[in-house]
Amino acid sequence: MSGATPGAAWQRADIAEAFVADRRALIPLIDGQDELVRRLITRGQRRVRRFLDLGAGGGAFAQLVMETHPESTGVLVDFSEPMAAAARQRLAAHAGRWEYVLADLSDAAWAEGLPGGRYDAVVSALCIHHLPDERKRALYSEAHSLLEAGGVFLNWEHVAASGICDGMLEEWMVDNLIAAEQRRPDPRPDDEVVRDYLDAADDDILADPYVQCDWLRQAGFQDVGVFFQIPEMAIFGGVKGEL
């Protein structure tokens, strides 16, 4: 791995700032994925009053939830100071509706810094794949315990693929990054852009989304499924059953 902590490269300001700036250009088919998440998180006339965002980064997922549920408040968790700074800028218009907790999800004690109470939704995007598989499984159980009965968990994630799809998402994202860089007034060389991407991606620990759905079921989730998938990216999750 690139550091002592999974995903440690995201504590570098240059990598975090570049991802935040290029996120919409970087992620393939992002508009459709945004719309799907909006529909999933309101499915069955669900009302989200309080949500938890794991690996919240620059606050994009939290912003989507707050705009979809205007009455909601959120707790955002990440270990990256540069990402927290980016979230403060992005979410300034929603001041008073969210708080940022600096915590490392690779540490089982991460939830000790959370405010009390349960959540109507726990969400995560492009974060949990940095964790070893055993820690992924434990985090899914922890997320389940933090949800209200009937609450939803959604993970928008970089996942494993095989055959001709292996490595396709990385190639796709690198192409998108280079194209975004070329639109800047003073673009960096392509090899520098690629190097920074690989620095952030070199400790990815990818797992099959259907295997991860089995882990969700074992954690107690119901109505589990993979709701969207392209090569090496998926949106999956489940619901905590009523007591």
C-alpha atoms as a PDB file:
ATOM      1  CA  MET A   1       0.000   0.000   0.000  1.00  0.00           C
ATOM      2  CA  SER A   2       1.026   3.590  -0.492  1.00  0.00           C
ATOM      3  CA  GLY A   3       0.857   4.397   3.221  1.00  0.00           C
ATOM      4  CA  ALA A   4       0.221   2.946   6.668  1.00  0.00           C
ATOM      5  CA  THR A   5      -3.490   3.661   6.333  1.00  0.00           C
ATOM      6  CA  PRO A   6      -5.594   2.361   3.411  1.00  0.00           C
ATOM      7  CA  GLY A   7      -6.200   5.210   0.970  1.00  0.00           C
ATOM      8  CA  ALA A   8      -3.527   7.380   2.597  1.00  0.00           C
ATOM      9  CA  ALA A   9      -2.766   9.153  -0.694  1.00  0.00           C
ATOM     10  CA  TRP A  10      -6.085  11.004  -0.294  1.00  0.00           C
ATOM     11  CA  GLN A  11      -4.542  12.965   2.565  1.00  0.00           C
ATOM     12  CA  ARG A  12      -2.365  14.694  -0.038  1.00  0.00           C
ATOM     13  CA  ALA A  13      -3.855  18.083  -0.882  1.00  0.00           C
ATOM     14  CA  ASP A  14      -2.880  17.939  -4.563  1.00  0.00           C
ATOM     15  CA  ILE A  15      -4.555  14.574  -5.189  1.00  0.00           C
ATOM     16  CA  ALA A  16      -7.680  15.461  -3.199  1.00  0.00           C
ATOM     17  CA  GLU A  17      -8.075  18.847  -4.884  1.00  0.00           C
ATOM     18  CA  ALA A  18      -7.603  17.386  -8.369  1.00  0.00           C
ATOM     19  CA  PHE A  19     -10.263  14.725  -7.772  1.00  0.00           C
ATOM     20  CA  VAL A  20     -12.754  17.250  -6.404  1.00  0.00           C
ATOM     21  CA  ALA A  21     -12.166  19.588  -9.346  1.00  0.00           C
ATOM     22  CA  ASP A  22     -12.472  16.839 -11.978  1.00  0.00           C
ATOM     23  CA  ARG A  23     -15.007  14.506 -10.338  1.00  0.00           C
ATOM     24  CA  ARG A  24     -17.822  15.030 -12.817  1.00  0.00           C
ATOM     25  CA  ALA A  25     -15.501  14.664 -15.795  1.00  0.00           C
ATOM     26  CA  LEU A  26     -13.695  11.702 -14.236  1.00  0.00           C
ATOM     27  CA  ILE A  27     -16.515   9.279 -13.328  1.00  0.00           C
ATOM     28  CA  PRO A  28     -18.110   7.561 -16.346  1.00  0.00           C
ATOM     29  CA  LEU A  29     -21.879   8.034 -16.844  1.00  0.00           C
ATOM     30  CA  ILE A  30     -22.107  10.113 -13.681  1.00  0.00           C
ATOM     31  CA  ASP A  31     -25.356  11.907 -14.523  1.00  0.00           C
ATOM     32  CA  GLY A  32     -27.254   8.643 -14.819  1.00  0.00           C
ATOM     33  CA  GLN A  33     -25.737   7.348 -11.602  1.00  0.00           C
ATOM     34  CA  ASP A  34     -26.719  10.536  -9.774  1.00  0.00           C
ATOM     35  CA  GLU A  35     -30.309  10.155 -10.946  1.00  0.00           C
ATOM     36  CA  LEU A  36     -30.422   6.494  -9.934  1.00  0.00           C
ATOM     37  CA  VAL A  37     -29.175   7.312  -6.429  1.00  0.00           C
ATOM     38  CA  ARG A  38     -31.836  10.040  -6.103  1.00  0.00           C
ATOM     39  CA  ARG A  39     -34.512   7.526  -7.022  1.00  0.00           C
ATOM     40  CA  LEU A  40     -33.157   4.779  -4.773  1.00  0.00           C
ATOM     41  CA  ILE A  41     -32.928   7.026  -1.744  1.00  0.00           C
ATOM     42  CA  THR A  42     -36.554   8.140  -2.128  1.00  0.00           C
ATOM     43  CA  ARG A  43     -37.892   4.678  -3.068  1.00  0.00           C
ATOM     44  CA  GLY A  44     -41.107   3.748  -1.311  1.00  0.00           C
ATOM     45  CA  GLN A  45     -41.683   7.382  -0.287  1.00  0.00           C
ATOM     46  CA  ARG A  46     -38.673   7.165   2.011  1.00  0.00           C
ATOM     47  CA  ARG A  47     -37.950  10.266   4.055  1.00  0.00           C
ATOM     48  CA  VAL A  48     -34.347  10.822   5.101  1.00  0.00           C
ATOM     49  CA  ARG A  49     -34.176  13.095   8.109  1.00  0.00           C
ATOM     50  CA  ARG A  50     -30.661  12.129   9.176  1.00  0.00           C
ATOM     51  CA  PHE A  51     -27.931  10.427   7.164  1.00  0.00           C
ATOM     52  CA  LEU A  52     -24.340   9.254   7.557  1.00  0.00           C
ATOM     53  CA  ASP A  53     -21.821   9.527   4.703  1.00  0.00           C
ATOM     54  CA  LEU A  54     -18.831   7.175   5.027  1.00  0.00           C
ATOM     55  CA  GLY A  55     -15.713   8.389   3.249  1.00  0.00           C
ATOM     56  CA  ALA A  56     -17.524  11.621   2.458  1.00  0.00           C
ATOM     57  CA  GLY A  57     -14.596  13.225   0.632  1.00  0.00           C
ATOM     58  CA  GLY A  58     -15.476  16.579  -0.903  1.00  0.00           C
ATOM     59  CA  GLY A  59     -19.157  16.292   0.046  1.00  0.00           C
ATOM     60  CA  ALA A  60     -20.675  15.459  -3.355  1.00  0.00           C
ATOM     61  CA  PHE A  61     -22.784  12.520  -2.128  1.00  0.00           C
ATOM     62  CA  ALA A  62     -23.903  14.459   0.933  1.00  0.00           C
ATOM     63  CA  GLN A  63     -24.935  17.356  -1.298  1.00  0.00           C
ATOM     64  CA  LEU A  64     -26.998  15.008  -3.454  1.00  0.00           C
ATOM     65  CA  VAL A  65     -28.781  13.594  -0.385  1.00  0.00           C
ATOM     66  CA  MET A  66     -29.478  17.039   1.107  1.00  0.00           C
ATOM     67  CA  GLU A  67     -30.843  18.362  -2.170  1.00  0.00           C
ATOM     68  CA  THR A  68     -33.030  15.261  -2.590  1.00  0.00           C
ATOM     69  CA  HIS A  69     -34.267  15.497   1.018  1.00  0.00           C
ATOM     70  CA  PRO A  70     -34.347  19.224   1.882  1.00  0.00           C
ATOM     71  CA  GLU A  71     -35.252  18.511   5.517  1.00  0.00           C
ATOM     72  CA  SER A  72     -32.287  16.178   6.079  1.00  0.00           C
ATOM     73  CA  THR A  73     -29.147  16.689   8.136  1.00  0.00           C
ATOM     74  CA  GLY A  74     -25.939  14.727   7.700  1.00  0.00           C
ATOM     75  CA  VAL A  75     -22.810  13.505   9.435  1.00  0.00           C
ATOM     76  CA  LEU A  76     -19.860  13.210   7.058  1.00  0.00           C
ATOM     77  CA  VAL A  77     -16.929  10.949   7.960  1.00  0.00           C
ATOM     78  CA  ASP A  78     -13.493  10.966   6.330  1.00  0.00           C
ATOM     79  CA  PHE A  79      -9.863  10.974   7.429  1.00  0.00           C
ATOM     80  CA  SER A  80      -8.616  13.500   4.846  1.00  0.00           C
ATOM     81  CA  GLU A  81      -8.206  17.115   5.947  1.00  0.00           C
ATOM     82  CA  PRO A  82      -7.978  18.337   2.328  1.00  0.00           C
ATOM     83  CA  MET A  83     -11.250  16.576   1.513  1.00  0.00           C
ATOM     84  CA  ALA A  84     -12.898  18.100   4.580  1.00  0.00           C
ATOM     85  CA  ALA A  85     -11.762  21.547   3.430  1.00  0.00           C
ATOM     86  CA  ALA A  86     -13.262  20.903  -0.014  1.00  0.00           C
ATOM     87  CA  ALA A  87     -16.547  19.793   1.568  1.00  0.00           C
ATOM     88  CA  ARG A  88     -16.760  22.990   3.594  1.00  0.00           C
ATOM     89  CA  GLN A  89     -16.631  24.966   0.363  1.00  0.00           C
ATOM     90  CA  ARG A  90     -19.060  22.736  -1.546  1.00  0.00           C
ATOM     91  CA  LEU A  91     -21.616  22.610   1.266  1.00  0.00           C
ATOM     92  CA  ALA A  92     -21.421  26.225   2.415  1.00  0.00           C
ATOM     93  CA  ALA A  93     -24.959  26.839   1.126  1.00  0.00           C
ATOM     94  CA  HIS A  94     -26.186  24.054   3.440  1.00  0.00           C
ATOM     95  CA  ALA A  95     -24.530  25.425   6.594  1.00  0.00           C
ATOM     96  CA  GLY A  96     -26.160  24.162   9.767  1.00  0.00           C
ATOM     97  CA  ARG A  97     -27.356  20.938   8.159  1.00  0.00           C
ATOM     98  CA  TRP A  98     -24.159  18.907   8.353  1.00  0.00           C
ATOM     99  CA  GLU A  99     -21.037  18.234  10.391  1.00  0.00           C
ATOM    100  CA  TYR A 100     -17.722  16.665   9.401  1.00  0.00           C
ATOM    101  CA  VAL A 101     -16.071  14.045  11.615  1.00  0.00           C
ATOM    102  CA  LEU A 102     -12.432  13.209  10.951  1.00  0.00           C
ATOM    103  CA  ALA A 103     -12.053   9.470  11.491  1.00  0.00           C
ATOM    104  CA  ASP A 104     -10.298   6.517   9.863  1.00  0.00           C
ATOM    105  CA  LEU A 105     -12.719   3.812   8.697  1.00  0.00           C
ATOM    106  CA  SER A 106      -9.912   1.242   8.758  1.00  0.00           C
ATOM    107  CA  ASP A 107      -9.964   1.574  12.567  1.00  0.00           C
ATOM    108  CA  ALA A 108     -12.811  -0.288  14.276  1.00  0.00           C
ATOM    109  CA  ALA A 109     -13.077   2.609  16.731  1.00  0.00           C
ATOM    110  CA  TRP A 110     -14.012   5.110  13.995  1.00  0.00           C
ATOM    111  CA  ALA A 111     -17.625   5.467  15.170  1.00  0.00           C
ATOM    112  CA  GLU A 112     -16.645   6.617  18.669  1.00  0.00           C
ATOM    113  CA  GLY A 113     -16.482  10.213  17.411  1.00  0.00           C
ATOM    114  CA  LEU A 114     -20.005  10.211  15.993  1.00  0.00           C
ATOM    115  CA  PRO A 115     -22.832  12.139  17.631  1.00  0.00           C
ATOM    116  CA  GLY A 116     -25.459   9.917  19.239  1.00  0.00           C
ATOM    117  CA  GLY A 117     -28.502   8.523  17.505  1.00  0.00           C
ATOM    118  CA  ARG A 118     -29.313   6.432  14.470  1.00  0.00           C
ATOM    119  CA  TYR A 119     -29.671   7.287  10.787  1.00  0.00           C
ATOM    120  CA  ASP A 120     -32.327   6.870   8.098  1.00  0.00           C
ATOM    121  CA  ALA A 121     -29.611   6.320   5.481  1.00  0.00           C
ATOM    122  CA  VAL A 122     -25.945   5.372   5.433  1.00  0.00           C
ATOM    123  CA  VAL A 123     -24.216   6.106   2.126  1.00  0.00           C
ATOM    124  CA  SER A 124     -20.714   5.776   0.755  1.00  0.00           C
ATOM    125  CA  ALA A 125     -19.025   6.523  -2.561  1.00  0.00           C
ATOM    126  CA  LEU A 126     -15.633   5.359  -3.850  1.00  0.00           C
ATOM    127  CA  CYS A 127     -14.207   4.767  -0.387  1.00  0.00           C
ATOM    128  CA  ILE A 128     -14.755   1.295   1.041  1.00  0.00           C
ATOM    129  CA  HIS A 129     -12.710  -0.373  -1.725  1.00  0.00           C
ATOM    130  CA  HIS A 130      -9.577   0.932   0.008  1.00  0.00           C
ATOM    131  CA  LEU A 131     -10.233  -1.358   2.995  1.00  0.00           C
ATOM    132  CA  PRO A 132      -9.165  -5.014   3.317  1.00  0.00           C
ATOM    133  CA  ASP A 133     -12.061  -7.382   2.739  1.00  0.00           C
ATOM    134  CA  GLU A 134     -12.403  -8.363   6.391  1.00  0.00           C
ATOM    135  CA  ARG A 135     -12.672  -4.683   7.306  1.00  0.00           C
ATOM    136  CA  LYS A 136     -15.263  -4.121   4.561  1.00  0.00           C
ATOM    137  CA  ARG A 137     -17.407  -6.861   6.083  1.00  0.00           C
ATOM    138  CA  ALA A 138     -17.061  -5.427   9.572  1.00  0.00           C
ATOM    139  CA  LEU A 139     -17.942  -1.933   8.327  1.00  0.00           C
ATOM    140  CA  TYR A 140     -21.132  -3.251   6.735  1.00  0.00           C
ATOM    141  CA  SER A 141     -22.163  -4.683  10.111  1.00  0.00           C
ATOM    142  CA  GLU A 142     -21.302  -1.377  11.790  1.00  0.00           C
ATOM    143  CA  ALA A 143     -23.391   0.506   9.229  1.00  0.00           C
ATOM    144  CA  HIS A 144     -26.310  -1.843   9.884  1.00  0.00           C
ATOM    145  CA  SER A 145     -26.123  -1.172  13.617  1.00  0.00           C
ATOM    146  CA  LEU A 146     -26.205   2.602  13.025  1.00  0.00           C
ATOM    147  CA  LEU A 147     -29.368   2.545  10.907  1.00  0.00           C
ATOM    148  CA  GLU A 148     -32.920   3.008  12.047  1.00  0.00           C
ATOM    149  CA  ALA A 149     -35.217   0.077  11.285  1.00  0.00           C
ATOM    150  CA  GLY A 150     -36.205   0.492   7.646  1.00  0.00           C
ATOM    151  CA  GLY A 151     -33.105   2.568   6.923  1.00  0.00           C
ATOM    152  CA  VAL A 152     -31.219   2.180   3.652  1.00  0.00           C
ATOM    153  CA  PHE A 153     -27.523   1.559   2.936  1.00  0.00           C
ATOM    154  CA  LEU A 154     -26.112   2.490  -0.485  1.00  0.00           C
ATOM    155  CA  ASN A 155     -22.540   1.959  -1.650  1.00  0.00           C
ATOM    156  CA  TRP A 156     -21.474   3.603  -4.949  1.00  0.00           C
ATOM    157  CA  GLU A 157     -18.222   1.789  -5.435  1.00  0.00           C
ATOM    158  CA  HIS A 158     -15.180   0.747  -7.429  1.00  0.00           C
ATOM    159  CA  VAL A 159     -15.474  -3.041  -7.625  1.00  0.00           C
ATOM    160  CA  ALA A 160     -13.678  -6.066  -9.037  1.00  0.00           C
ATOM    161  CA  ALA A 161     -14.277  -7.328 -12.568  1.00  0.00           C
ATOM    162  CA  SER A 162     -12.759 -10.131 -14.605  1.00  0.00           C
ATOM    163  CA  GLY A 163     -12.135 -11.095 -18.199  1.00  0.00           C
ATOM    164  CA  ILE A 164     -12.005  -8.334 -20.791  1.00  0.00           C
ATOM    165  CA  CYS A 165     -13.374  -5.831 -18.216  1.00  0.00           C
ATOM    166  CA  ASP A 166     -10.412  -6.147 -15.846  1.00  0.00           C
ATOM    167  CA  GLY A 167      -8.757  -2.729 -15.550  1.00  0.00           C
ATOM    168  CA  MET A 168     -11.279  -1.007 -17.813  1.00  0.00           C
ATOM    169  CA  LEU A 169     -12.480   1.558 -15.270  1.00  0.00           C
ATOM    170  CA  GLU A 170      -8.933   2.703 -14.540  1.00  0.00           C
ATOM    171  CA  GLU A 171      -8.266   3.145 -18.273  1.00  0.00           C
ATOM    172  CA  TRP A 172     -11.552   5.012 -18.686  1.00  0.00           C
ATOM    173  CA  MET A 173     -10.852   7.322 -15.755  1.00  0.00           C
ATOM    174  CA  VAL A 174      -7.282   8.028 -16.876  1.00  0.00           C
ATOM    175  CA  ASP A 175      -8.556   8.978 -20.341  1.00  0.00           C
ATOM    176  CA  ASN A 176     -11.133  11.278 -18.729  1.00  0.00           C
ATOM    177  CA  LEU A 177      -8.508  12.841 -16.462  1.00  0.00           C
ATOM    178  CA  ILE A 178      -6.155  13.563 -19.344  1.00  0.00           C
ATOM    179  CA  ALA A 179      -9.003  15.106 -21.349  1.00  0.00           C
ATOM    180  CA  ALA A 180      -9.987  17.280 -18.363  1.00  0.00           C
ATOM    181  CA  GLU A 181      -6.386  18.366 -17.875  1.00  0.00           C
ATOM    182  CA  GLN A 182      -6.060  19.386 -21.520  1.00  0.00           C
ATOM    183  CA  ARG A 183      -8.970  21.784 -21.047  1.00  0.00           C
ATOM    184  CA  ARG A 184      -7.009  23.724 -18.413  1.00  0.00           C
ATOM    185  CA  PRO A 185      -5.162  26.941 -19.385  1.00  0.00           C
ATOM    186  CA  ASP A 186      -1.783  25.430 -18.462  1.00  0.00           C
ATOM    187  CA  PRO A 187      -2.177  21.624 -18.631  1.00  0.00           C
ATOM    188  CA  ARG A 188       0.281  19.290 -16.960  1.00  0.00           C
ATOM    189  CA  PRO A 189       2.033  16.589 -19.010  1.00  0.00           C
ATOM    190  CA  ASP A 190       0.006  13.421 -19.463  1.00  0.00           C
ATOM    191  CA  ASP A 191       2.528  11.288 -17.589  1.00  0.00           C
ATOM    192  CA  GLU A 192       2.254  13.525 -14.518  1.00  0.00           C
ATOM    193  CA  VAL A 193      -1.549  13.231 -14.544  1.00  0.00           C
ATOM    194  CA  VAL A 194      -1.323   9.450 -14.821  1.00  0.00           C
ATOM    195  CA  ARG A 195       1.287   9.230 -12.053  1.00  0.00           C
ATOM    196  CA  ASP A 196      -0.914  11.152  -9.604  1.00  0.00           C
ATOM    197  CA  TYR A 197      -3.890   8.936 -10.424  1.00  0.00           C
ATOM    198  CA  LEU A 198      -1.851   5.781  -9.869  1.00  0.00           C
ATOM    199  CA  ASP A 199      -0.538   7.139  -6.559  1.00  0.00           C
ATOM    200  CA  ALA A 200      -4.150   7.371  -5.359  1.00  0.00           C
ATOM    201  CA  ALA A 201      -5.193   4.008  -6.823  1.00  0.00           C
ATOM    202  CA  ASP A 202      -2.232   1.805  -5.959  1.00  0.00           C
ATOM    203  CA  ASP A 203      -3.772   0.460  -2.745  1.00  0.00           C
ATOM    204  CA  ASP A 204      -7.224  -0.344  -4.114  1.00  0.00           C
ATOM    205  CA  ILE A 205      -8.576  -3.660  -2.783  1.00  0.00           C
ATOM    206  CA  LEU A 206     -11.423  -4.493  -5.136  1.00  0.00           C
ATOM    207  CA  ALA A 207     -14.140  -7.031  -4.375  1.00  0.00           C
ATOM    208  CA  ASP A 208     -16.950  -8.458  -6.478  1.00  0.00           C
ATOM    209  CA  PRO A 209     -20.206  -6.535  -5.844  1.00  0.00           C
ATOM    210  CA  TYR A 210     -22.255  -9.737  -5.623  1.00  0.00           C
ATOM    211  CA  VAL A 211     -19.895 -11.131  -2.981  1.00  0.00           C
ATOM    212  CA  GLN A 212     -20.251  -7.852  -1.100  1.00  0.00           C
ATOM    213  CA  CYS A 213     -24.027  -8.212  -1.321  1.00  0.00           C
ATOM    214  CA  ASP A 214     -23.637 -11.587   0.425  1.00  0.00           C
ATOM    215  CA  TRP A 215     -21.705  -9.790   3.155  1.00  0.00           C
ATOM    216  CA  LEU A 216     -24.555  -7.289   3.486  1.00  0.00           C
ATOM    217  CA  ARG A 217     -27.059 -10.125   3.908  1.00  0.00           C
ATOM    218  CA  GLN A 218     -24.828 -11.726   6.532  1.00  0.00           C
ATOM    219  CA  ALA A 219     -24.749  -8.356   8.337  1.00  0.00           C
ATOM    220  CA  GLY A 220     -28.557  -8.444   8.514  1.00  0.00           C
ATOM    221  CA  PHE A 221     -29.590  -6.345   5.501  1.00  0.00           C
ATOM    222  CA  GLN A 222     -32.692  -7.227   3.499  1.00  0.00           C
ATOM    223  CA  ASP A 223     -33.789  -6.348  -0.052  1.00  0.00           C
ATOM    224  CA  VAL A 224     -30.111  -6.479  -1.044  1.00  0.00           C
ATOM    225  CA  GLY A 225     -29.117  -6.014  -4.655  1.00  0.00           C
ATOM    226  CA  VAL A 226     -26.756  -4.599  -7.257  1.00  0.00           C
ATOM    227  CA  PHE A 227     -28.762  -1.710  -8.686  1.00  0.00           C
ATOM    228  CA  PHE A 228     -26.305  -0.484 -11.331  1.00  0.00           C
ATOM    229  CA  GLN A 229     -23.111  -1.839 -12.816  1.00  0.00           C
ATOM    230  CA  ILE A 230     -20.563  -0.958 -15.476  1.00  0.00           C
ATOM    231  CA  PRO A 231     -17.080  -2.493 -15.682  1.00  0.00           C
ATOM    232  CA  GLU A 232     -15.492  -2.112 -12.222  1.00  0.00           C
ATOM    233  CA  MET A 233     -18.140   0.259 -10.839  1.00  0.00           C
ATOM    234  CA  ALA A 234     -21.425  -0.600  -9.124  1.00  0.00           C
ATOM    235  CA  ILE A 235     -24.142   0.798  -6.907  1.00  0.00           C
ATOM    236  CA  PHE A 236     -25.412  -1.769  -4.412  1.00  0.00           C
ATOM    237  CA  GLY A 237     -26.977  -1.903  -0.972  1.00  0.00           C
ATOM    238  CA  GLY A 238     -29.897  -2.996   1.132  1.00  0.00           C
ATOM    239  CA  VAL A 239     -32.390  -2.105   3.829  1.00  0.00           C
ATOM    240  CA  LYS A 240     -32.379  -2.748   7.567  1.00  0.00           C
ATOM    241  CA  GLY A 241     -35.465  -4.777   8.389  1.00  0.00           C
ATOM    242  CA  GLU A 242     -38.165  -3.536  10.686  1.00  0.00           C
ATOM    243  CA  LEU A 243     -37.822  -4.633  14.287  1.00  0.00           C
END
